[in-house]
């Protein structure tokens, strides 16, 4: 028999799953000073290792009898992994734990997929989008999700089903079909695949992360029926855990509620902030709001019943989001008072944009519903974005979303025909819709023909950038907007009145001619949404920010903006490329 061709692989961060049992009898019998030392040193260890420059560390509460704690380490070298493991043994917390199990592996990307084959081909043209995707596989970051599922696995070597006797192309086809199932859960489940041949007892470690554990269960159920698993896979023990903040180690050891963000999730809501206390009290609003929640009170001069009908329609949409707590209308001496409560400031801000559009709204009160001031969540916004927004504002150019929130776009170009690309994009978009930060993901085609574009718009740059890892695996991806030049300017998104669509396209051709003559301009595309021909965006590539700003300051741009007021159905979005 001929020797079979192994896949090419590349390795990245090393991975240690350190599974610990707590000696609960010893913990209960320990003196207060010993327990305080164990907690203090344990928290310091976990926080210090989570804050390293290269790699990551997270801690999980493991469900069931197999372990109590999972400390998950990612490190650039085995030496660093070894040091992290031994440093734990030197802290006081280790005296109250025994190792239940462990697994050592290394993040791996293999050459089974068509895209990966190009990555490993030294003669293939450099593809920044593919490079970014492969780097996300080799140097992953631990996602901020609640649940983890870890298991080791190997490929079967039975006489009837021997993975290693299959020809390379057959293995590639099986892995491609297997990967198609995983892509259906993009946005719901994140994975780290790590190789362990010659390192540990199995051949791979699989670590899955999700905010809904049933998503992991459904994914693995579907994969069980795929031949790559049903015929050729063998599995080790499964470990399921919930991530918690290192600062909650004491709560974990005390049997109290713990969570990833360090918030007590036992159901004891925070007290209403003083800014809203008077309004909530006067209106008779009682709410068991989680810490960090934000509330709104809007007053409307319209008839109370009219406002109630409008709010009933909005509430149906709001209730699709886990962050929604309540939205109701109160009759305040003949005037409608709309009350809306959300788990986060960002979600409340988004809802405010819709609620302010209700008839007769003339006053808004907004504030936190927590005992202490809650810091806004990081948006990942670059300082340069603030600079650009400020300069545009000085030029009286709108640089945000219609209701004031900034949004960020991940734009990737594909050589695949839009009709073939769209179903895969729609599947990803459905997965992304589970996240409150997702606004839309759609396929666009160039008005003049040529390449397609996939646009994914999010409320934060970090979320958009994370989505890029999934989008880069779509067929035919050749580049990410902004990678072809020194400066990727804002994508400008337009909703055109149907009767003016042809006028808009003609105007773009005129402006395109002006752009072609400008110093520092590389390329500008007019892209049209495959599902809605009146939804368009323009993305430009420039040599530098200064070159782009020169155009925004020009009379030609001012004339175009003025003309656009008559043909656009809504105010344009100048969306920052993530």
Protein backbone atom coordinates (compact mmCIF):
# COMPACT_ATOMS: atom_id res chain seq x y z
CA UNK A 1 0.00 0.00 0.00
CA UNK A 2 1.21 3.49 -0.86
CA UNK A 3 2.06 5.87 1.93
CA UNK A 4 -0.80 8.37 2.34
CA UNK A 5 -0.24 12.13 2.11
CA UNK A 6 -0.54 13.91 5.47
CA UNK A 7 -2.03 17.41 5.58
CA UNK A 8 0.24 20.40 5.94
CA UNK A 9 -0.11 22.03 9.35
CA UNK A 10 1.01 25.21 11.04
CA UNK A 11 1.13 25.66 14.80
CA UNK A 12 0.49 28.69 16.96
CA UNK A 13 -0.19 29.16 20.68
CA UNK A 14 0.28 26.25 23.08
CA UNK A 15 -2.74 25.27 25.16
CA UNK A 16 -3.07 23.83 28.66
CA UNK A 17 -6.38 22.70 30.11
CA UNK A 18 -5.58 22.45 33.84
CA UNK A 19 -8.50 20.70 35.58
CA UNK A 20 -8.63 20.88 39.37
CA UNK A 21 -10.70 19.41 42.18
CA UNK A 22 -11.20 21.48 45.31
CA UNK A 23 -10.59 19.68 48.60
CA UNK A 24 -13.80 20.95 50.14
CA UNK A 25 -13.20 19.24 53.49
CA UNK A 26 -9.81 20.91 53.83
CA UNK A 27 -11.31 24.25 52.77
CA UNK A 28 -14.08 24.09 55.38
CA UNK A 29 -11.60 23.11 58.11
CA UNK A 30 -9.04 25.80 57.23
CA UNK A 31 -8.60 28.84 59.42
CA UNK A 32 -9.80 32.24 58.25
CA UNK A 33 -6.25 33.53 57.72
CA UNK A 34 -5.34 30.54 55.50
CA UNK A 35 -8.47 30.94 53.43
CA UNK A 36 -7.89 34.67 53.00
CA UNK A 37 -4.33 34.00 51.83
CA UNK A 38 -5.52 31.33 49.38
CA UNK A 39 -8.15 33.67 47.90
CA UNK A 40 -5.78 36.64 47.70
CA UNK A 41 -2.99 34.67 46.03
CA UNK A 42 -5.44 32.81 43.77
CA UNK A 43 -7.03 36.04 42.51
CA UNK A 44 -3.62 37.62 41.98
CA UNK A 45 -2.43 34.56 40.02
CA UNK A 46 -5.51 34.48 37.77
CA UNK A 47 -5.59 38.23 37.13
CA UNK A 48 -1.86 38.45 36.45
CA UNK A 49 -1.94 35.59 33.96
CA UNK A 50 -5.04 36.94 32.23
CA UNK A 51 -3.21 40.24 31.65
CA UNK A 52 -0.14 38.93 29.80
CA UNK A 53 0.98 40.39 26.47
CA UNK A 54 1.11 37.12 24.52
CA UNK A 55 -1.58 34.54 25.17
CA UNK A 56 -4.47 34.45 27.62
CA UNK A 57 -5.79 32.76 30.76
CA UNK A 58 -9.35 32.19 31.95
CA UNK A 59 -10.97 30.29 34.81
CA UNK A 60 -14.18 28.23 34.66
CA UNK A 61 -16.42 26.52 37.19
CA UNK A 62 -16.72 22.91 35.97
CA UNK A 63 -20.10 21.21 36.28
CA UNK A 64 -20.38 17.61 37.44
CA UNK A 65 -18.08 15.28 39.37
CA UNK A 66 -15.04 15.20 37.08
CA UNK A 67 -13.53 18.51 38.28
CA UNK A 68 -14.39 21.78 40.04
CA UNK A 69 -12.12 24.25 38.24
CA UNK A 70 -10.69 24.59 34.74
CA UNK A 71 -7.81 27.01 34.34
CA UNK A 72 -7.26 27.46 30.61
CA UNK A 73 -3.91 28.85 29.44
CA UNK A 74 -2.76 29.96 25.97
CA UNK A 75 0.96 30.70 25.62
CA UNK A 76 3.44 31.30 22.78
CA UNK A 77 5.92 28.64 23.98
CA UNK A 78 5.90 25.42 25.96
CA UNK A 79 8.33 27.05 28.39
CA UNK A 80 5.78 29.79 29.13
CA UNK A 81 3.05 27.15 29.52
CA UNK A 82 5.23 25.14 31.88
CA UNK A 83 5.98 28.23 33.95
CA UNK A 84 2.30 29.15 34.24
CA UNK A 85 1.51 25.62 35.42
CA UNK A 86 4.26 25.59 38.06
CA UNK A 87 3.49 29.11 39.29
CA UNK A 88 0.02 27.95 40.29
CA UNK A 89 1.53 25.22 42.43
CA UNK A 90 3.44 27.93 44.27
CA UNK A 91 0.35 29.90 45.37
CA UNK A 92 -1.61 29.18 48.53
CA UNK A 93 -4.76 28.22 46.61
CA UNK A 94 -3.01 25.13 45.22
CA UNK A 95 -2.86 23.66 48.74
CA UNK A 96 -6.65 23.24 48.60
CA UNK A 97 -6.78 21.62 45.14
CA UNK A 98 -5.79 18.33 43.53
CA UNK A 99 -5.30 17.88 39.80
CA UNK A 100 -8.23 15.97 38.31
CA UNK A 101 -6.84 15.92 34.78
CA UNK A 102 -4.95 18.02 32.26
CA UNK A 103 -4.45 18.27 28.52
CA UNK A 104 -1.60 19.83 26.54
CA UNK A 105 -1.89 20.75 22.86
CA UNK A 106 -1.07 23.49 20.35
CA UNK A 107 -3.44 25.61 18.24
CA UNK A 108 -3.35 24.20 14.74
CA UNK A 109 -4.40 25.05 11.20
CA UNK A 110 -4.32 22.24 8.63
CA UNK A 111 -4.27 22.16 4.84
CA UNK A 112 -7.49 20.25 4.28
CA UNK A 113 -9.63 23.19 3.10
CA UNK A 114 -9.22 24.79 -0.32
CA UNK A 115 -8.41 28.14 1.24
CA UNK A 116 -5.81 26.56 3.52
CA UNK A 117 -4.20 24.89 0.51
CA UNK A 118 -3.58 28.37 -0.91
CA UNK A 119 -2.17 29.47 2.42
CA UNK A 120 0.41 26.68 2.38
CA UNK A 121 1.24 27.15 -1.31
CA UNK A 122 4.45 29.26 -1.49
CA UNK A 123 3.63 30.24 -5.08
CA UNK A 124 0.08 31.47 -4.32
CA UNK A 125 -0.62 35.20 -4.37
CA UNK A 126 -0.63 36.76 -0.90
CA UNK A 127 -4.16 37.05 0.47
CA UNK A 128 -4.48 39.40 3.48
CA UNK A 129 -7.97 38.15 4.31
CA UNK A 130 -6.85 34.53 4.37
CA UNK A 131 -3.78 35.46 6.42
CA UNK A 132 -5.99 37.20 8.98
CA UNK A 133 -8.29 34.18 9.22
CA UNK A 134 -5.43 31.69 9.64
CA UNK A 135 -3.84 33.92 12.26
CA UNK A 136 -7.11 33.88 14.20
CA UNK A 137 -6.92 30.07 14.21
CA UNK A 138 -3.27 29.96 15.28
CA UNK A 139 -3.31 32.81 17.80
CA UNK A 140 -6.86 32.78 19.17
CA UNK A 141 -8.19 34.97 21.96
CA UNK A 142 -10.47 33.45 24.56
CA UNK A 143 -13.95 34.82 23.77
CA UNK A 144 -16.05 36.55 26.43
CA UNK A 145 -18.75 33.87 26.43
CA UNK A 146 -20.33 32.15 29.41
CA UNK A 147 -19.94 28.45 28.59
CA UNK A 148 -17.07 26.20 27.57
CA UNK A 149 -17.05 22.59 26.42
CA UNK A 150 -13.72 20.77 26.12
CA UNK A 151 -13.00 17.27 24.86
CA UNK A 152 -10.04 15.45 23.30
CA UNK A 153 -10.53 13.31 20.22
CA UNK A 154 -8.70 11.09 17.74
CA UNK A 155 -9.36 9.66 14.30
CA UNK A 156 -10.31 5.97 14.16
CA UNK A 157 -7.95 3.25 12.92
CA UNK A 158 -10.38 0.30 12.75
CA UNK A 159 -9.92 -2.25 9.94
CA UNK A 160 -13.17 -1.09 8.33
CA UNK A 161 -12.88 2.63 9.05
CA UNK A 162 -9.26 3.75 9.12
CA UNK A 163 -8.92 7.51 8.64
CA UNK A 164 -5.22 7.25 7.94
CA UNK A 165 -5.72 4.83 5.05
CA UNK A 166 -8.01 7.24 3.16
CA UNK A 167 -6.61 9.14 0.17
CA UNK A 168 -5.94 12.83 0.85
CA UNK A 169 -8.73 14.08 -1.43
CA UNK A 170 -11.32 11.91 0.30
CA UNK A 171 -10.21 13.20 3.69
CA UNK A 172 -10.39 16.76 2.34
CA UNK A 173 -13.98 16.25 1.12
CA UNK A 174 -15.02 14.79 4.47
CA UNK A 175 -13.45 17.68 6.39
CA UNK A 176 -15.05 20.24 4.06
CA UNK A 177 -18.52 18.82 4.73
CA UNK A 178 -17.72 18.71 8.45
CA UNK A 179 -16.68 22.38 8.34
CA UNK A 180 -19.91 23.36 6.57
CA UNK A 181 -21.86 22.26 9.66
CA UNK A 182 -19.65 24.37 11.90
CA UNK A 183 -20.10 27.46 9.73
CA UNK A 184 -23.87 27.23 10.24
CA UNK A 185 -23.17 28.05 13.91
CA UNK A 186 -20.92 31.04 13.19
CA UNK A 187 -21.74 33.78 15.66
CA UNK A 188 -23.16 31.23 18.10
CA UNK A 189 -20.22 28.91 18.79
CA UNK A 190 -16.50 29.77 18.72
CA UNK A 191 -13.90 27.02 18.56
CA UNK A 192 -10.22 26.47 19.27
CA UNK A 193 -8.85 23.38 17.52
CA UNK A 194 -5.49 22.29 18.94
CA UNK A 195 -3.31 19.42 17.79
CA UNK A 196 -1.75 17.00 20.27
CA UNK A 197 -0.17 14.18 18.25
CA UNK A 198 2.98 13.29 20.17
CA UNK A 199 2.05 15.73 22.94
CA UNK A 200 -0.85 14.09 24.81
CA UNK A 201 -3.00 10.93 24.76
CA UNK A 202 -5.35 11.95 21.94
CA UNK A 203 -4.70 13.62 18.60
CA UNK A 204 -6.64 16.85 19.04
CA UNK A 205 -8.23 18.98 21.71
CA UNK A 206 -11.51 20.71 20.85
CA UNK A 207 -12.59 23.70 22.95
CA UNK A 208 -15.99 25.23 22.18
CA UNK A 209 -17.34 28.51 23.57
CA UNK A 210 -20.92 29.85 23.53
CA UNK A 211 -23.36 32.00 25.46
CA UNK A 212 -26.01 29.28 25.10
CA UNK A 213 -24.85 25.77 25.98
CA UNK A 214 -27.60 24.25 23.84
CA UNK A 215 -25.95 25.75 20.76
CA UNK A 216 -22.89 23.60 21.48
CA UNK A 217 -25.13 20.57 22.04
CA UNK A 218 -26.97 21.12 18.74
CA UNK A 219 -23.73 21.65 16.84
CA UNK A 220 -22.19 18.44 18.17
CA UNK A 221 -25.42 16.52 17.60
CA UNK A 222 -25.39 17.49 13.92
CA UNK A 223 -21.71 16.62 13.63
CA UNK A 224 -22.28 13.16 15.13
CA UNK A 225 -24.29 12.26 12.02
CA UNK A 226 -21.60 13.51 9.65
CA UNK A 227 -19.38 10.66 8.31
CA UNK A 228 -16.24 12.42 9.49
CA UNK A 229 -17.50 11.79 13.05
CA UNK A 230 -19.87 8.83 12.75
CA UNK A 231 -17.28 6.64 10.98
CA UNK A 232 -13.92 8.07 11.88
CA UNK A 233 -14.01 9.89 15.25
CA UNK A 234 -13.25 8.67 18.77
CA UNK A 235 -13.80 10.94 21.76
CA UNK A 236 -12.36 11.35 25.23
CA UNK A 237 -14.11 12.78 28.29
CA UNK A 238 -16.19 15.94 27.99
CA UNK A 239 -15.87 18.83 30.44
CA UNK A 240 -18.48 21.59 30.67
CA UNK A 241 -17.89 24.82 32.53
CA UNK A 242 -19.06 28.37 33.19
CA UNK A 243 -16.53 31.17 33.04
CA UNK A 244 -16.24 33.53 35.97
CA UNK A 245 -14.17 36.61 36.72
CA UNK A 246 -11.02 36.02 38.81
CA UNK A 247 -12.32 38.57 41.31
CA UNK A 248 -15.18 36.16 42.08
CA UNK A 249 -12.95 33.36 43.33
CA UNK A 250 -14.13 33.95 46.90
CA UNK A 251 -17.77 33.75 45.78
CA UNK A 252 -17.02 30.51 43.90
CA UNK A 253 -15.45 28.92 47.00
CA UNK A 254 -18.40 30.11 49.11
CA UNK A 255 -20.94 28.46 46.79
CA UNK A 256 -22.36 31.80 45.67
CA UNK A 257 -23.40 32.92 42.21
CA UNK A 258 -20.54 33.78 39.84
CA UNK A 259 -20.40 35.13 36.27
CA UNK A 260 -18.00 36.21 33.57
CA UNK A 261 -18.47 39.94 34.22
CA UNK A 262 -18.22 39.68 37.99
CA UNK A 263 -21.89 40.58 38.48
CA UNK A 264 -23.96 38.70 41.04
CA UNK A 265 -26.57 36.83 39.00
CA UNK A 266 -28.52 35.45 41.95
CA UNK A 267 -31.49 37.63 41.09
CA UNK A 268 -30.91 40.45 43.54
CA UNK A 269 -31.33 43.48 41.34
CA UNK A 270 -29.56 46.74 41.86
CA UNK A 271 -31.30 49.77 43.33
CA UNK A 272 -32.54 52.45 40.96
CA UNK A 273 -30.04 55.27 40.37
CA UNK A 274 -31.05 58.61 41.92
CA UNK A 275 -31.41 60.23 38.48
CA UNK A 276 -34.36 57.99 37.65
CA UNK A 277 -35.56 57.16 41.17
CA UNK A 278 -38.03 60.03 41.38
CA UNK A 279 -39.60 59.30 37.99
CA UNK A 280 -39.79 55.56 38.54
CA UNK A 281 -41.29 56.06 42.01
CA UNK A 282 -43.83 58.65 40.87
CA UNK A 283 -44.91 56.50 37.94
CA UNK A 284 -45.20 53.41 40.13
CA UNK A 285 -42.53 51.48 38.21
CA UNK A 286 -40.95 48.55 40.04
CA UNK A 287 -38.26 46.56 38.29
CA UNK A 288 -35.80 43.87 39.41
CA UNK A 289 -33.01 45.26 37.23
CA UNK A 290 -29.59 43.60 37.08
CA UNK A 291 -26.54 45.61 38.05
CA UNK A 292 -25.38 47.69 35.14
CA UNK A 293 -28.90 48.11 33.73
CA UNK A 294 -30.01 51.42 32.20
CA UNK A 295 -33.46 52.95 32.02
CA UNK A 296 -35.37 55.49 29.94
CA UNK A 297 -38.42 57.63 30.57
CA UNK A 298 -39.81 59.45 27.53
CA UNK A 299 -42.76 61.85 27.63
CA UNK A 300 -45.16 62.20 24.72
CA UNK A 301 -47.89 64.75 24.03
CA UNK A 302 -49.76 62.24 21.84
CA UNK A 303 -52.81 60.37 23.11
CA UNK A 304 -51.92 57.64 25.60
CA UNK A 305 -53.74 54.91 23.63
CA UNK A 306 -52.01 55.96 20.41
CA UNK A 307 -48.61 55.70 22.08
CA UNK A 308 -49.54 52.33 23.63
CA UNK A 309 -50.36 50.91 20.21
CA UNK A 310 -47.06 52.12 18.79
CA UNK A 311 -45.10 50.77 21.77
CA UNK A 312 -46.83 47.38 21.53
CA UNK A 313 -45.36 47.03 18.04
CA UNK A 314 -41.87 48.01 19.19
CA UNK A 315 -42.02 45.74 22.23
CA UNK A 316 -42.48 42.73 19.95
CA UNK A 317 -39.09 43.52 18.41
CA UNK A 318 -37.43 44.41 21.72
CA UNK A 319 -38.36 41.05 23.24
CA UNK A 320 -36.18 39.26 20.70
CA UNK A 321 -33.16 40.57 22.63
CA UNK A 322 -31.96 39.01 25.87
CA UNK A 323 -30.87 42.45 27.12
CA UNK A 324 -34.46 43.76 27.20
CA UNK A 325 -36.00 43.94 30.68
CA UNK A 326 -39.27 45.83 30.19
CA UNK A 327 -40.97 48.49 28.08
CA UNK A 328 -44.37 49.88 29.05
CA UNK A 329 -46.53 52.99 28.82
CA UNK A 330 -47.90 54.80 31.87
CA UNK A 331 -50.75 57.31 31.94
CA UNK A 332 -49.22 60.28 33.75
CA UNK A 333 -52.14 62.67 34.33
CA UNK A 334 -53.26 62.40 30.72
CA UNK A 335 -49.74 62.42 29.24
CA UNK A 336 -48.04 59.27 27.99
CA UNK A 337 -44.85 58.25 29.82
CA UNK A 338 -42.84 55.51 28.09
CA UNK A 339 -40.60 53.48 30.41
CA UNK A 340 -37.94 51.16 29.00
CA UNK A 341 -35.28 49.19 30.92
CA UNK A 342 -32.30 47.34 29.42
CA UNK A 343 -29.40 45.33 30.82
CA UNK A 344 -26.72 47.53 29.23
CA UNK A 345 -26.19 51.19 28.41
CA UNK A 346 -25.59 50.38 24.76
CA UNK A 347 -28.86 48.46 24.41
CA UNK A 348 -30.76 51.28 26.12
CA UNK A 349 -29.16 53.79 23.77
CA UNK A 350 -30.21 51.78 20.73
CA UNK A 351 -33.79 51.50 22.03
CA UNK A 352 -33.84 55.24 22.69
CA UNK A 353 -33.30 55.87 18.98
CA UNK A 354 -36.50 53.99 18.16
CA UNK A 355 -38.54 55.37 21.07
CA UNK A 356 -37.69 58.98 20.24
CA UNK A 357 -39.40 58.44 16.87
CA UNK A 358 -42.74 57.82 18.61
CA UNK A 359 -45.37 60.53 18.05
CA UNK A 360 -45.26 63.53 20.35
CA UNK A 361 -42.06 62.69 22.25
CA UNK A 362 -40.66 65.92 23.69
CA UNK A 363 -38.59 64.91 26.75
CA UNK A 364 -36.18 62.07 27.56
CA UNK A 365 -34.66 61.08 30.90
CA UNK A 366 -31.96 58.41 30.80
CA UNK A 367 -29.66 56.95 33.43
CA UNK A 368 -28.07 53.95 35.10
CA UNK A 369 -30.05 51.63 37.35
CA UNK A 370 -27.11 50.53 39.50
CA UNK A 371 -25.86 51.45 42.94
CA UNK A 372 -22.56 52.60 41.50
CA UNK A 373 -21.66 54.35 38.30
CA UNK A 374 -21.16 51.82 35.51
CA UNK A 375 -18.31 52.41 33.10
CA UNK A 376 -19.42 52.24 29.45
CA UNK A 377 -18.41 49.09 27.65
CA UNK A 378 -15.36 49.42 25.46
CA UNK A 379 -16.18 49.99 21.82
CA UNK A 380 -12.76 49.23 20.55
CA UNK A 381 -12.92 52.55 18.72
CA UNK A 382 -9.58 53.78 17.50
CA UNK A 383 -8.38 57.23 18.50
CA UNK A 384 -8.03 58.07 14.83
CA UNK A 385 -11.79 57.48 14.46
CA UNK A 386 -12.44 60.26 16.98
CA UNK A 387 -10.08 62.56 15.08
CA UNK A 388 -11.77 61.88 11.75
CA UNK A 389 -15.25 62.28 13.21
CA UNK A 390 -14.28 65.59 14.74
CA UNK A 391 -12.82 66.89 11.48
CA UNK A 392 -15.92 65.84 9.57
CA UNK A 393 -18.13 67.57 12.13
CA UNK A 394 -16.10 70.76 11.66
CA UNK A 395 -16.88 70.48 7.96
CA UNK A 396 -20.59 70.00 8.78
CA UNK A 397 -20.44 66.42 7.46
CA UNK A 398 -22.49 63.86 9.33
CA UNK A 399 -20.26 61.08 10.72
CA UNK A 400 -22.49 58.67 12.54
CA UNK A 401 -25.67 56.64 12.56
CA UNK A 402 -29.07 58.39 12.32
CA UNK A 403 -29.59 58.36 16.08
CA UNK A 404 -26.05 59.27 17.03
CA UNK A 405 -24.49 55.87 17.73
CA UNK A 406 -21.36 55.05 15.76
CA UNK A 407 -21.34 51.82 13.79
CA UNK A 408 -18.49 49.86 12.31
CA UNK A 409 -18.28 47.82 9.15
CA UNK A 410 -16.24 44.82 8.12
CA UNK A 411 -16.07 44.82 4.31
CA UNK A 412 -14.49 41.90 2.46
CA UNK A 413 -14.28 41.42 -1.29
CA UNK A 414 -14.93 38.12 -3.08
CA UNK A 415 -14.40 36.90 -6.62
CA UNK A 416 -17.34 34.50 -6.25
CA UNK A 417 -20.54 35.31 -8.14
CA UNK A 418 -22.96 37.16 -5.82
CA UNK A 419 -25.76 34.65 -6.47
CA UNK A 420 -23.51 31.84 -5.28
CA UNK A 421 -22.11 33.86 -2.37
CA UNK A 422 -25.43 35.13 -0.96
CA UNK A 423 -26.76 31.86 0.61
CA UNK A 424 -23.56 31.43 2.64
CA UNK A 425 -23.72 35.07 3.77
CA UNK A 426 -27.36 34.70 4.79
CA UNK A 427 -26.48 31.68 6.95
CA UNK A 428 -23.78 33.71 8.74
CA UNK A 429 -26.12 36.66 9.18
CA UNK A 430 -28.70 34.46 10.92
CA UNK A 431 -26.03 33.38 13.40
CA UNK A 432 -24.84 36.94 13.95
CA UNK A 433 -28.42 38.06 14.70
CA UNK A 434 -28.15 36.43 18.14
CA UNK A 435 -25.88 39.28 19.20
CA UNK A 436 -27.26 42.69 20.16
CA UNK A 437 -24.25 44.40 18.59
CA UNK A 438 -25.05 43.03 15.11
CA UNK A 439 -26.86 45.43 12.77
CA UNK A 440 -26.77 43.66 9.43
CA UNK A 441 -24.70 41.43 7.15
CA UNK A 442 -25.39 41.36 3.42
CA UNK A 443 -23.95 40.68 -0.04
CA UNK A 444 -23.32 43.54 -2.47
CA UNK A 445 -22.38 43.46 -6.14
CA UNK A 446 -20.38 46.12 -7.97
CA UNK A 447 -22.68 48.33 -10.06
CA UNK A 448 -20.28 48.11 -12.97
CA UNK A 449 -19.58 44.39 -12.59
CA UNK A 450 -16.48 42.78 -11.13
CA UNK A 451 -16.00 41.55 -7.60
CA UNK A 452 -18.64 41.12 -4.93
CA UNK A 453 -18.50 42.52 -1.40
CA UNK A 454 -19.71 41.17 1.92
CA UNK A 455 -20.61 43.90 4.41
CA UNK A 456 -21.14 43.23 8.10
CA UNK A 457 -22.14 46.22 10.27
CA UNK A 458 -21.79 46.18 14.06
CA UNK A 459 -22.06 48.58 16.96
CA UNK A 460 -18.40 48.12 17.97
CA UNK A 461 -15.14 47.80 16.10
CA UNK A 462 -14.18 44.74 18.17
CA UNK A 463 -17.38 42.93 17.19
CA UNK A 464 -16.89 43.80 13.51
CA UNK A 465 -13.30 42.59 13.63
CA UNK A 466 -14.34 39.32 15.30
CA UNK A 467 -16.96 38.77 12.59
CA UNK A 468 -14.17 39.12 10.05
CA UNK A 469 -12.71 35.80 11.19
CA UNK A 470 -15.91 34.02 10.11
CA UNK A 471 -16.43 36.10 6.98
CA UNK A 472 -12.90 35.40 5.76
CA UNK A 473 -13.86 31.73 5.34
CA UNK A 474 -16.55 32.55 2.76
CA UNK A 475 -15.82 31.37 -0.80
CA UNK A 476 -13.57 33.46 -3.00
CA UNK A 477 -12.54 36.06 -0.40
CA UNK A 478 -9.59 37.98 -1.82
CA UNK A 479 -9.16 41.04 0.39
CA UNK A 480 -10.50 43.08 3.26
CA UNK A 481 -11.38 46.71 2.60
CA UNK A 482 -8.63 48.93 3.89
CA UNK A 483 -5.90 46.37 3.27
CA UNK A 484 -5.29 47.46 -0.31
CA UNK A 485 -4.19 50.94 0.69
CA UNK A 486 -2.80 53.09 3.45
CA UNK A 487 -6.22 54.39 4.50
CA UNK A 488 -9.64 52.80 4.12
CA UNK A 489 -12.09 55.69 4.37
CA UNK A 490 -15.55 55.40 5.87
CA UNK A 491 -17.99 53.30 3.88
CA UNK A 492 -20.88 55.64 3.03
CA UNK A 493 -24.19 53.79 3.11
CA UNK A 494 -27.15 55.19 1.20
CA UNK A 495 -30.81 54.30 0.92
CA UNK A 496 -31.93 55.84 -2.38
CA UNK A 497 -35.50 56.78 -3.25
CA UNK A 498 -36.55 54.24 -5.94
CA UNK A 499 -37.51 56.93 -8.45
CA UNK A 500 -34.04 58.48 -8.19
CA UNK A 501 -31.93 55.32 -8.39
CA UNK A 502 -30.71 55.92 -11.96
CA UNK A 503 -29.95 59.55 -11.10
CA UNK A 504 -27.85 58.43 -8.15
CA UNK A 505 -25.84 55.99 -10.26
CA UNK A 506 -25.17 58.68 -12.87
CA UNK A 507 -24.08 61.12 -10.18
CA UNK A 508 -21.68 58.53 -8.78
CA UNK A 509 -20.07 58.20 -12.21
CA UNK A 510 -19.49 61.96 -12.30
CA UNK A 511 -18.01 61.98 -8.78
CA UNK A 512 -15.95 58.92 -9.66
CA UNK A 513 -14.37 60.86 -12.50
CA UNK A 514 -13.40 63.64 -10.08
CA UNK A 515 -11.96 61.14 -7.62
CA UNK A 516 -9.82 59.54 -10.29
CA UNK A 517 -8.04 62.87 -10.75
CA UNK A 518 -7.35 63.43 -7.06
CA UNK A 519 -3.92 62.87 -5.54
CA UNK A 520 -3.72 59.84 -3.28
CA UNK A 521 -6.94 58.22 -4.50
CA UNK A 522 -6.58 54.51 -5.35
CA UNK A 523 -10.05 53.14 -5.95
CA UNK A 524 -13.74 53.79 -5.27
CA UNK A 525 -16.53 51.24 -5.72
CA UNK A 526 -20.30 51.66 -5.80
CA UNK A 527 -21.76 48.44 -4.43
CA UNK A 528 -25.45 47.47 -4.53
CA UNK A 529 -27.21 45.17 -2.06
CA UNK A 530 -28.21 41.97 -3.85
CA UNK A 531 -31.46 41.85 -1.86
CA UNK A 532 -32.33 45.57 -2.23
CA UNK A 533 -31.14 47.55 -5.26
CA UNK A 534 -31.84 50.84 -3.47
CA UNK A 535 -29.38 50.03 -0.67
CA UNK A 536 -25.88 51.04 -1.77
CA UNK A 537 -22.53 51.81 -0.28
CA UNK A 538 -19.39 53.53 -1.46
CA UNK A 539 -16.00 52.43 -0.18
CA UNK A 540 -12.86 54.32 -1.13
CA UNK A 541 -9.19 53.46 -0.78
CA UNK A 542 -6.72 56.27 -0.27
CA UNK A 543 -3.00 56.64 0.14
CA UNK A 544 -3.52 58.42 3.47
CA UNK A 545 -6.12 60.00 5.74
CA UNK A 546 -4.97 63.45 4.61
CA UNK A 547 -5.76 62.62 0.98
CA UNK A 548 -9.26 61.46 1.93
CA UNK A 549 -9.92 64.58 4.03
CA UNK A 550 -8.88 66.77 1.10
CA UNK A 551 -11.81 65.33 -0.84
CA UNK A 552 -14.24 65.85 2.03
CA UNK A 553 -13.19 69.51 2.14
CA UNK A 554 -13.71 69.99 -1.61
CA UNK A 555 -16.54 71.95 -3.23
CA UNK A 556 -17.36 68.88 -5.33
CA UNK A 557 -18.14 66.89 -2.20
CA UNK A 558 -20.27 69.70 -0.74
CA UNK A 559 -22.27 69.95 -3.96
CA UNK A 560 -22.82 66.20 -3.99
CA UNK A 561 -24.04 66.19 -0.37
CA UNK A 562 -26.49 69.01 -1.11
CA UNK A 563 -27.81 67.19 -4.19
CA UNK A 564 -28.18 63.98 -2.20
CA UNK A 565 -30.72 65.51 0.17
CA UNK A 566 -33.32 65.28 -2.59
CA UNK A 567 -32.67 61.72 -3.75
CA UNK A 568 -31.96 59.84 -0.51
CA UNK A 569 -34.71 58.27 1.57
CA UNK A 570 -32.69 58.64 4.79
CA UNK A 571 -29.65 60.40 6.12
CA UNK A 572 -26.50 58.59 4.92
CA UNK A 573 -24.34 56.64 7.33
CA UNK A 574 -20.63 57.37 7.24
CA UNK A 575 -19.59 54.06 8.72
CA UNK A 576 -16.06 53.55 10.00
CA UNK A 577 -14.28 50.51 8.61
CA UNK A 578 -13.13 48.27 11.46
